[in-house]
Amino acid sequence: SDRLAATQNRVSTGLKVGGAKDNSAVWAIAQNQRADLGALASVKTSLDRATSLADVTLAAGEAISDLIIQMRQKAVAASDLSQTPESRAAYNDDFQSLVRSVQQFADSASFDGVNLLDNSLAASLDFLANVDAVDTISIDPQNFTEAGLGLNTQNLLTSAAAATALGVIDTALATVNSGLASLGAQAKQIETHNTFVSKLMDSLETGIGKLVDADLAKESARLQALQVQ
């Protein structure tokens, strides 16, 4: 009866070591591994959040880069000395609309209440990288606002102003592209580390299973034999 009860318990729970009294050494090792597995789950949650934030930030940053390219086109056209004041005014209207869009995109690039493009963060944002919460992976904030890029004071109403704006636009474009390159590298690092953490969690689950999981095929056969006995 004792053997039958023990076998039935292993079949119902799927565990050959369900508690310390079954095998104290193996149970203690498994518990330590479960603690690491739980900590890794928190690390993965942090990295998943970092990945989502990086994706949103990169999407907004790339859109801002595209807007600045359009601004450059307007500035070059307005620099033409043969343009009439009416034409320059039309180009300037388009230019100012693009500047406002840059600000809107920067303000909208938030995830879970965090924005890396609107100059609201003074320091890098750190995410968990290991189970001891000692190592971190960082994402650096960028200032892609119209003021941060120097676009808010520019206009295309004269050829001289358009030429000045063109220089500011080129600087802004270089700044945005450099920032996006940095963000892309950090996002890739986060993605790679997240993949590693997932594999590590799978390995720990497999290791814990080898320690405490019952062989259900054998246990089922043993249960049937004990029932017959």
C-alpha atoms as a PDB file:
ATOM      1  CA  SER A   1       0.000   0.000   0.000  1.00  0.00           C
ATOM      2  CA  ASP A   2       2.853   2.395   0.815  1.00  0.00           C
ATOM      3  CA  ARG A   3       4.529   1.660  -2.504  1.00  0.00           C
ATOM      4  CA  LEU A   4       1.232   2.108  -4.325  1.00  0.00           C
ATOM      5  CA  ALA A   5       0.575   5.446  -2.615  1.00  0.00           C
ATOM      6  CA  ALA A   6       4.086   6.688  -3.430  1.00  0.00           C
ATOM      7  CA  THR A   7       3.749   5.672  -7.075  1.00  0.00           C
ATOM      8  CA  GLN A   8       0.319   7.260  -7.370  1.00  0.00           C
ATOM      9  CA  ASN A   9       1.753  10.495  -5.939  1.00  0.00           C
ATOM     10  CA  ARG A  10       4.586  10.512  -8.494  1.00  0.00           C
ATOM     11  CA  VAL A  11       2.115   9.947 -11.332  1.00  0.00           C
ATOM     12  CA  SER A  12      -0.285  12.638 -10.129  1.00  0.00           C
ATOM     13  CA  THR A  13       2.394  15.278  -9.467  1.00  0.00           C
ATOM     14  CA  GLY A  14       4.840  14.286 -12.198  1.00  0.00           C
ATOM     15  CA  LEU A  15       7.645  14.549  -9.632  1.00  0.00           C
ATOM     16  CA  LYS A  16       9.909  11.875  -8.262  1.00  0.00           C
ATOM     17  CA  VAL A  17      11.254  14.379  -5.711  1.00  0.00           C
ATOM     18  CA  GLY A  18       8.285  16.351  -4.486  1.00  0.00           C
ATOM     19  CA  GLY A  19       9.721  17.433  -1.145  1.00  0.00           C
ATOM     20  CA  ALA A  20      12.783  17.394   1.078  1.00  0.00           C
ATOM     21  CA  LYS A  21      11.893  14.044   2.615  1.00  0.00           C
ATOM     22  CA  ASP A  22      11.981  12.331  -0.789  1.00  0.00           C
ATOM     23  CA  ASN A  23      15.609  13.262  -1.392  1.00  0.00           C
ATOM     24  CA  SER A  24      16.892  16.178   0.637  1.00  0.00           C
ATOM     25  CA  ALA A  25      20.069  16.813  -1.373  1.00  0.00           C
ATOM     26  CA  VAL A  26      18.376  16.741  -4.766  1.00  0.00           C
ATOM     27  CA  TRP A  27      15.459  18.837  -3.492  1.00  0.00           C
ATOM     28  CA  ALA A  28      17.837  21.512  -2.134  1.00  0.00           C
ATOM     29  CA  ILE A  29      19.715  21.694  -5.445  1.00  0.00           C
ATOM     30  CA  ALA A  30      16.444  21.949  -7.355  1.00  0.00           C
ATOM     31  CA  GLN A  31      15.196  24.716  -5.079  1.00  0.00           C
ATOM     32  CA  ASN A  32      18.340  26.749  -5.679  1.00  0.00           C
ATOM     33  CA  GLN A  33      17.904  26.318  -9.415  1.00  0.00           C
ATOM     34  CA  ARG A  34      14.243  27.350  -9.137  1.00  0.00           C
ATOM     35  CA  ALA A  35      15.365  30.530  -7.377  1.00  0.00           C
ATOM     36  CA  ASP A  36      17.730  31.335 -10.245  1.00  0.00           C
ATOM     37  CA  LEU A  37      14.994  30.535 -12.743  1.00  0.00           C
ATOM     38  CA  GLY A  38      12.606  32.939 -11.026  1.00  0.00           C
ATOM     39  CA  ALA A  39      15.265  35.651 -11.024  1.00  0.00           C
ATOM     40  CA  LEU A  40      15.953  35.060 -14.718  1.00  0.00           C
ATOM     41  CA  ALA A  41      12.248  35.483 -15.417  1.00  0.00           C
ATOM     42  CA  SER A  42      12.494  38.969 -13.895  1.00  0.00           C
ATOM     43  CA  VAL A  43      15.600  39.687 -15.966  1.00  0.00           C
ATOM     44  CA  LYS A  44      13.795  38.609 -19.127  1.00  0.00           C
ATOM     45  CA  THR A  45      10.838  40.835 -18.266  1.00  0.00           C
ATOM     46  CA  SER A  46      13.210  43.784 -17.899  1.00  0.00           C
ATOM     47  CA  LEU A  47      14.922  42.970 -21.207  1.00  0.00           C
ATOM     48  CA  ASP A  48      11.577  42.547 -22.974  1.00  0.00           C
ATOM     49  CA  ARG A  49      10.605  46.009 -21.740  1.00  0.00           C
ATOM     50  CA  ALA A  50      13.930  47.377 -22.971  1.00  0.00           C
ATOM     51  CA  THR A  51      13.385  45.773 -26.375  1.00  0.00           C
ATOM     52  CA  SER A  52       9.920  47.297 -26.714  1.00  0.00           C
ATOM     53  CA  LEU A  53      11.203  50.726 -25.684  1.00  0.00           C
ATOM     54  CA  ALA A  54      14.111  50.483 -28.127  1.00  0.00           C
ATOM     55  CA  ASP A  55      11.783  49.456 -30.975  1.00  0.00           C
ATOM     56  CA  VAL A  56       9.475  52.419 -30.350  1.00  0.00           C
ATOM     57  CA  THR A  57      12.431  54.797 -30.051  1.00  0.00           C
ATOM     58  CA  LEU A  58      14.090  53.576 -33.243  1.00  0.00           C
ATOM     59  CA  ALA A  59      10.841  53.789 -35.202  1.00  0.00           C
ATOM     60  CA  ALA A  60      10.318  57.411 -34.123  1.00  0.00           C
ATOM     61  CA  GLY A  61      13.977  58.299 -34.690  1.00  0.00           C
ATOM     62  CA  GLU A  62      13.974  56.887 -38.214  1.00  0.00           C
ATOM     63  CA  ALA A  63      10.795  58.845 -38.981  1.00  0.00           C
ATOM     64  CA  ILE A  64      12.476  62.030 -37.697  1.00  0.00           C
ATOM     65  CA  SER A  65      15.484  61.343 -39.910  1.00  0.00           C
ATOM     66  CA  ASP A  66      13.164  61.055 -42.910  1.00  0.00           C
ATOM     67  CA  LEU A  67      11.522  64.371 -41.972  1.00  0.00           C
ATOM     68  CA  ILE A  68      14.890  66.121 -41.811  1.00  0.00           C
ATOM     69  CA  ILE A  69      15.734  64.831 -45.287  1.00  0.00           C
ATOM     70  CA  GLN A  70      12.521  66.423 -46.516  1.00  0.00           C
ATOM     71  CA  MET A  71      13.481  69.659 -44.730  1.00  0.00           C
ATOM     72  CA  ARG A  72      16.798  69.667 -46.547  1.00  0.00           C
ATOM     73  CA  GLN A  73      14.997  69.422 -49.851  1.00  0.00           C
ATOM     74  CA  LYS A  74      12.863  72.461 -48.944  1.00  0.00           C
ATOM     75  CA  ALA A  75      15.897  74.447 -47.767  1.00  0.00           C
ATOM     76  CA  VAL A  76      17.861  73.740 -50.929  1.00  0.00           C
ATOM     77  CA  ALA A  77      14.904  74.821 -53.067  1.00  0.00           C
ATOM     78  CA  ALA A  78      14.425  78.016 -51.029  1.00  0.00           C
ATOM     79  CA  SER A  79      18.132  78.853 -51.389  1.00  0.00           C
ATOM     80  CA  ASP A  80      17.625  79.398 -55.113  1.00  0.00           C
ATOM     81  CA  LEU A  81      18.109  83.136 -55.708  1.00  0.00           C
ATOM     82  CA  SER A  82      15.527  83.088 -58.474  1.00  0.00           C
ATOM     83  CA  GLN A  83      12.694  82.075 -56.127  1.00  0.00           C
ATOM     84  CA  THR A  84       9.915  84.593 -55.577  1.00  0.00           C
ATOM     85  CA  PRO A  85       8.893  85.670 -52.061  1.00  0.00           C
ATOM     86  CA  GLU A  86       5.629  83.777 -52.531  1.00  0.00           C
ATOM     87  CA  SER A  87       7.458  80.574 -53.395  1.00  0.00           C
ATOM     88  CA  ARG A  88       9.784  80.956 -50.416  1.00  0.00           C
ATOM     89  CA  ALA A  89       6.780  81.519 -48.162  1.00  0.00           C
ATOM     90  CA  ALA A  90       5.247  78.285 -49.436  1.00  0.00           C
ATOM     91  CA  TYR A  91       8.500  76.409 -48.850  1.00  0.00           C
ATOM     92  CA  ASN A  92       8.728  77.917 -45.379  1.00  0.00           C
ATOM     93  CA  ASP A  93       5.191  76.801 -44.543  1.00  0.00           C
ATOM     94  CA  ASP A  94       6.110  73.252 -45.518  1.00  0.00           C
ATOM     95  CA  PHE A  95       9.355  73.528 -43.554  1.00  0.00           C
ATOM     96  CA  GLN A  96       7.633  74.720 -40.377  1.00  0.00           C
ATOM     97  CA  SER A  97       5.090  71.922 -40.694  1.00  0.00           C
ATOM     98  CA  LEU A  98       7.931  69.401 -40.842  1.00  0.00           C
ATOM     99  CA  VAL A  99       9.566  70.992 -37.785  1.00  0.00           C
ATOM    100  CA  ARG A 100       6.337  70.614 -35.830  1.00  0.00           C
ATOM    101  CA  SER A 101       6.147  66.978 -36.933  1.00  0.00           C
ATOM    102  CA  VAL A 102       9.650  66.382 -35.580  1.00  0.00           C
ATOM    103  CA  GLN A 103       8.523  67.638 -32.172  1.00  0.00           C
ATOM    104  CA  GLN A 104       5.349  65.544 -32.309  1.00  0.00           C
ATOM    105  CA  PHE A 105       7.286  62.398 -33.195  1.00  0.00           C
ATOM    106  CA  ALA A 106       9.780  63.005 -30.395  1.00  0.00           C
ATOM    107  CA  ASP A 107       6.957  63.563 -27.890  1.00  0.00           C
ATOM    108  CA  SER A 108       5.131  60.419 -29.037  1.00  0.00           C
ATOM    109  CA  ALA A 109       8.106  58.048 -28.778  1.00  0.00           C
ATOM    110  CA  SER A 110       7.198  56.729 -25.332  1.00  0.00           C
ATOM    111  CA  PHE A 111       6.677  53.228 -23.968  1.00  0.00           C
ATOM    112  CA  ASP A 112       5.425  52.481 -20.478  1.00  0.00           C
ATOM    113  CA  GLY A 113       5.771  56.139 -19.572  1.00  0.00           C
ATOM    114  CA  VAL A 114       9.407  56.410 -20.695  1.00  0.00           C
ATOM    115  CA  ASN A 115      10.590  58.597 -23.576  1.00  0.00           C
ATOM    116  CA  LEU A 116      14.188  58.538 -24.791  1.00  0.00           C
ATOM    117  CA  LEU A 117      13.848  61.277 -27.411  1.00  0.00           C
ATOM    118  CA  ASP A 118      12.120  64.232 -25.717  1.00  0.00           C
ATOM    119  CA  ASN A 119      15.013  65.275 -23.419  1.00  0.00           C
ATOM    120  CA  SER A 120      13.092  64.166 -20.320  1.00  0.00           C
ATOM    121  CA  LEU A 121      15.867  61.840 -19.077  1.00  0.00           C
ATOM    122  CA  ALA A 122      19.119  63.179 -17.712  1.00  0.00           C
ATOM    123  CA  ALA A 123      20.958  59.841 -17.622  1.00  0.00           C
ATOM    124  CA  SER A 124      21.033  56.451 -19.280  1.00  0.00           C
ATOM    125  CA  LEU A 125      18.240  53.991 -18.571  1.00  0.00           C
ATOM    126  CA  ASP A 126      19.533  50.733 -17.043  1.00  0.00           C
ATOM    127  CA  PHE A 127      17.891  47.299 -17.372  1.00  0.00           C
ATOM    128  CA  LEU A 128      18.627  44.054 -15.515  1.00  0.00           C
ATOM    129  CA  ALA A 129      21.186  41.741 -17.089  1.00  0.00           C
ATOM    130  CA  ASN A 130      21.825  39.018 -14.477  1.00  0.00           C
ATOM    131  CA  VAL A 131      20.152  37.212 -11.571  1.00  0.00           C
ATOM    132  CA  ASP A 132      22.084  39.157  -8.927  1.00  0.00           C
ATOM    133  CA  ALA A 133      20.751  42.503 -10.246  1.00  0.00           C
ATOM    134  CA  VAL A 134      24.362  43.734 -10.397  1.00  0.00           C
ATOM    135  CA  ASP A 135      25.021  43.842 -14.131  1.00  0.00           C
ATOM    136  CA  THR A 136      22.877  46.078 -16.314  1.00  0.00           C
ATOM    137  CA  ILE A 137      22.417  46.964 -19.963  1.00  0.00           C
ATOM    138  CA  SER A 138      21.882  50.634 -20.732  1.00  0.00           C
ATOM    139  CA  ILE A 139      20.063  52.670 -23.351  1.00  0.00           C
ATOM    140  CA  ASP A 140      21.211  56.258 -23.797  1.00  0.00           C
ATOM    141  CA  PRO A 141      18.578  58.991 -24.235  1.00  0.00           C
ATOM    142  CA  GLN A 142      18.757  61.329 -27.219  1.00  0.00           C
ATOM    143  CA  ASN A 143      17.430  64.852 -27.660  1.00  0.00           C
ATOM    144  CA  PHE A 144      15.557  64.745 -30.960  1.00  0.00           C
ATOM    145  CA  THR A 145      13.223  67.641 -30.169  1.00  0.00           C
ATOM    146  CA  GLU A 146      13.025  70.633 -32.508  1.00  0.00           C
ATOM    147  CA  ALA A 147      14.917  72.745 -29.955  1.00  0.00           C
ATOM    148  CA  GLY A 148      17.482  70.026 -29.302  1.00  0.00           C
ATOM    149  CA  LEU A 149      18.251  69.835 -33.023  1.00  0.00           C
ATOM    150  CA  GLY A 150      18.210  73.618 -33.428  1.00  0.00           C
ATOM    151  CA  LEU A 151      15.367  73.556 -35.952  1.00  0.00           C
ATOM    152  CA  ASN A 152      12.885  75.710 -34.042  1.00  0.00           C
ATOM    153  CA  THR A 153      14.609  79.002 -34.877  1.00  0.00           C
ATOM    154  CA  GLN A 154      15.046  78.448 -38.612  1.00  0.00           C
ATOM    155  CA  ASN A 155      13.046  79.756 -41.570  1.00  0.00           C
ATOM    156  CA  LEU A 156      13.286  79.843 -45.352  1.00  0.00           C
ATOM    157  CA  LEU A 157      11.885  83.320 -46.021  1.00  0.00           C
ATOM    158  CA  THR A 158      15.104  84.600 -47.618  1.00  0.00           C
ATOM    159  CA  SER A 159      17.891  82.940 -49.532  1.00  0.00           C
ATOM    160  CA  ALA A 160      20.344  83.795 -46.722  1.00  0.00           C
ATOM    161  CA  ALA A 161      18.009  82.336 -44.092  1.00  0.00           C
ATOM    162  CA  ALA A 162      17.565  79.233 -46.223  1.00  0.00           C
ATOM    163  CA  ALA A 163      21.334  78.838 -46.509  1.00  0.00           C
ATOM    164  CA  THR A 164      21.692  79.167 -42.734  1.00  0.00           C
ATOM    165  CA  ALA A 165      18.871  76.672 -42.196  1.00  0.00           C
ATOM    166  CA  LEU A 166      20.579  74.262 -44.576  1.00  0.00           C
ATOM    167  CA  GLY A 167      23.668  74.194 -42.370  1.00  0.00           C
ATOM    168  CA  VAL A 168      21.560  73.613 -39.262  1.00  0.00           C
ATOM    169  CA  ILE A 169      19.626  70.850 -41.032  1.00  0.00           C
ATOM    170  CA  ASP A 170      22.840  69.078 -42.057  1.00  0.00           C
ATOM    171  CA  THR A 171      24.058  69.202 -38.448  1.00  0.00           C
ATOM    172  CA  ALA A 172      20.692  67.937 -37.192  1.00  0.00           C
ATOM    173  CA  LEU A 173      20.706  65.095 -39.694  1.00  0.00           C
ATOM    174  CA  ALA A 174      24.204  64.027 -38.623  1.00  0.00           C
ATOM    175  CA  THR A 175      23.151  64.202 -34.960  1.00  0.00           C
ATOM    176  CA  VAL A 176      20.022  62.116 -35.518  1.00  0.00           C
ATOM    177  CA  ASN A 177      21.792  59.493 -37.616  1.00  0.00           C
ATOM    178  CA  SER A 178      24.626  59.208 -35.086  1.00  0.00           C
ATOM    179  CA  GLY A 179      22.110  58.846 -32.264  1.00  0.00           C
ATOM    180  CA  LEU A 180      20.173  56.208 -34.167  1.00  0.00           C
ATOM    181  CA  ALA A 181      23.373  54.248 -34.825  1.00  0.00           C
ATOM    182  CA  SER A 182      24.095  54.262 -31.081  1.00  0.00           C
ATOM    183  CA  LEU A 183      20.518  53.241 -30.233  1.00  0.00           C
ATOM    184  CA  GLY A 184      20.601  50.489 -32.839  1.00  0.00           C
ATOM    185  CA  ALA A 185      23.810  49.030 -31.399  1.00  0.00           C
ATOM    186  CA  GLN A 186      22.359  49.080 -27.880  1.00  0.00           C
ATOM    187  CA  ALA A 187      19.095  47.513 -29.103  1.00  0.00           C
ATOM    188  CA  LYS A 188      21.089  44.719 -30.768  1.00  0.00           C
ATOM    189  CA  GLN A 189      22.999  44.091 -27.545  1.00  0.00           C
ATOM    190  CA  ILE A 190      19.721  43.850 -25.628  1.00  0.00           C
ATOM    191  CA  GLU A 191      18.254  41.479 -28.201  1.00  0.00           C
ATOM    192  CA  THR A 192      21.334  39.235 -28.087  1.00  0.00           C
ATOM    193  CA  HIS A 193      21.351  39.158 -24.290  1.00  0.00           C
ATOM    194  CA  ASN A 194      17.619  38.450 -24.200  1.00  0.00           C
ATOM    195  CA  THR A 195      18.155  35.443 -26.468  1.00  0.00           C
ATOM    196  CA  PHE A 196      20.916  34.215 -24.161  1.00  0.00           C
ATOM    197  CA  VAL A 197      18.678  34.585 -21.092  1.00  0.00           C
ATOM    198  CA  SER A 198      15.912  32.606 -22.827  1.00  0.00           C
ATOM    199  CA  LYS A 199      18.331  29.770 -23.609  1.00  0.00           C
ATOM    200  CA  LEU A 200      19.662  29.851 -20.057  1.00  0.00           C
ATOM    201  CA  MET A 201      16.122  29.591 -18.679  1.00  0.00           C
ATOM    202  CA  ASP A 202      15.426  26.616 -20.945  1.00  0.00           C
ATOM    203  CA  SER A 203      18.621  24.924 -19.751  1.00  0.00           C
ATOM    204  CA  LEU A 204      17.709  25.495 -16.104  1.00  0.00           C
ATOM    205  CA  GLU A 205      14.208  24.115 -16.625  1.00  0.00           C
ATOM    206  CA  THR A 206      15.676  21.041 -18.297  1.00  0.00           C
ATOM    207  CA  GLY A 207      18.190  20.606 -15.482  1.00  0.00           C
ATOM    208  CA  ILE A 208      15.525  20.909 -12.799  1.00  0.00           C
ATOM    209  CA  GLY A 209      13.369  18.428 -14.680  1.00  0.00           C
ATOM    210  CA  LYS A 210      16.181  15.888 -14.788  1.00  0.00           C
ATOM    211  CA  LEU A 211      16.598  16.224 -11.037  1.00  0.00           C
ATOM    212  CA  VAL A 212      13.003  16.021  -9.849  1.00  0.00           C
ATOM    213  CA  ASP A 213      10.686  14.957 -12.692  1.00  0.00           C
ATOM    214  CA  ALA A 214       9.331  11.440 -12.678  1.00  0.00           C
ATOM    215  CA  ASP A 215       9.499   9.125 -15.697  1.00  0.00           C
ATOM    216  CA  LEU A 216       5.757   8.881 -16.220  1.00  0.00           C
ATOM    217  CA  ALA A 217       5.990   5.898 -18.546  1.00  0.00           C
ATOM    218  CA  LYS A 218       7.871   3.878 -15.937  1.00  0.00           C
ATOM    219  CA  GLU A 219       5.736   5.161 -13.083  1.00  0.00           C
ATOM    220  CA  SER A 220       2.520   4.304 -14.939  1.00  0.00           C
ATOM    221  CA  ALA A 221       3.764   0.788 -15.609  1.00  0.00           C
ATOM    222  CA  ARG A 222       4.823   0.438 -11.973  1.00  0.00           C
ATOM    223  CA  LEU A 223       1.421   1.721 -10.827  1.00  0.00           C
ATOM    224  CA  GLN A 224      -0.397  -0.842 -12.918  1.00  0.00           C
ATOM    225  CA  ALA A 225       1.832  -3.638 -11.607  1.00  0.00           C
ATOM    226  CA  LEU A 226       1.264  -2.559  -8.005  1.00  0.00           C
ATOM    227  CA  GLN A 227      -2.469  -2.376  -8.555  1.00  0.00           C
ATOM    228  CA  VAL A 228      -2.439  -5.951  -9.860  1.00  0.00           C
ATOM    229  CA  GLN A 229      -0.334  -7.036  -6.884  1.00  0.00           C
END
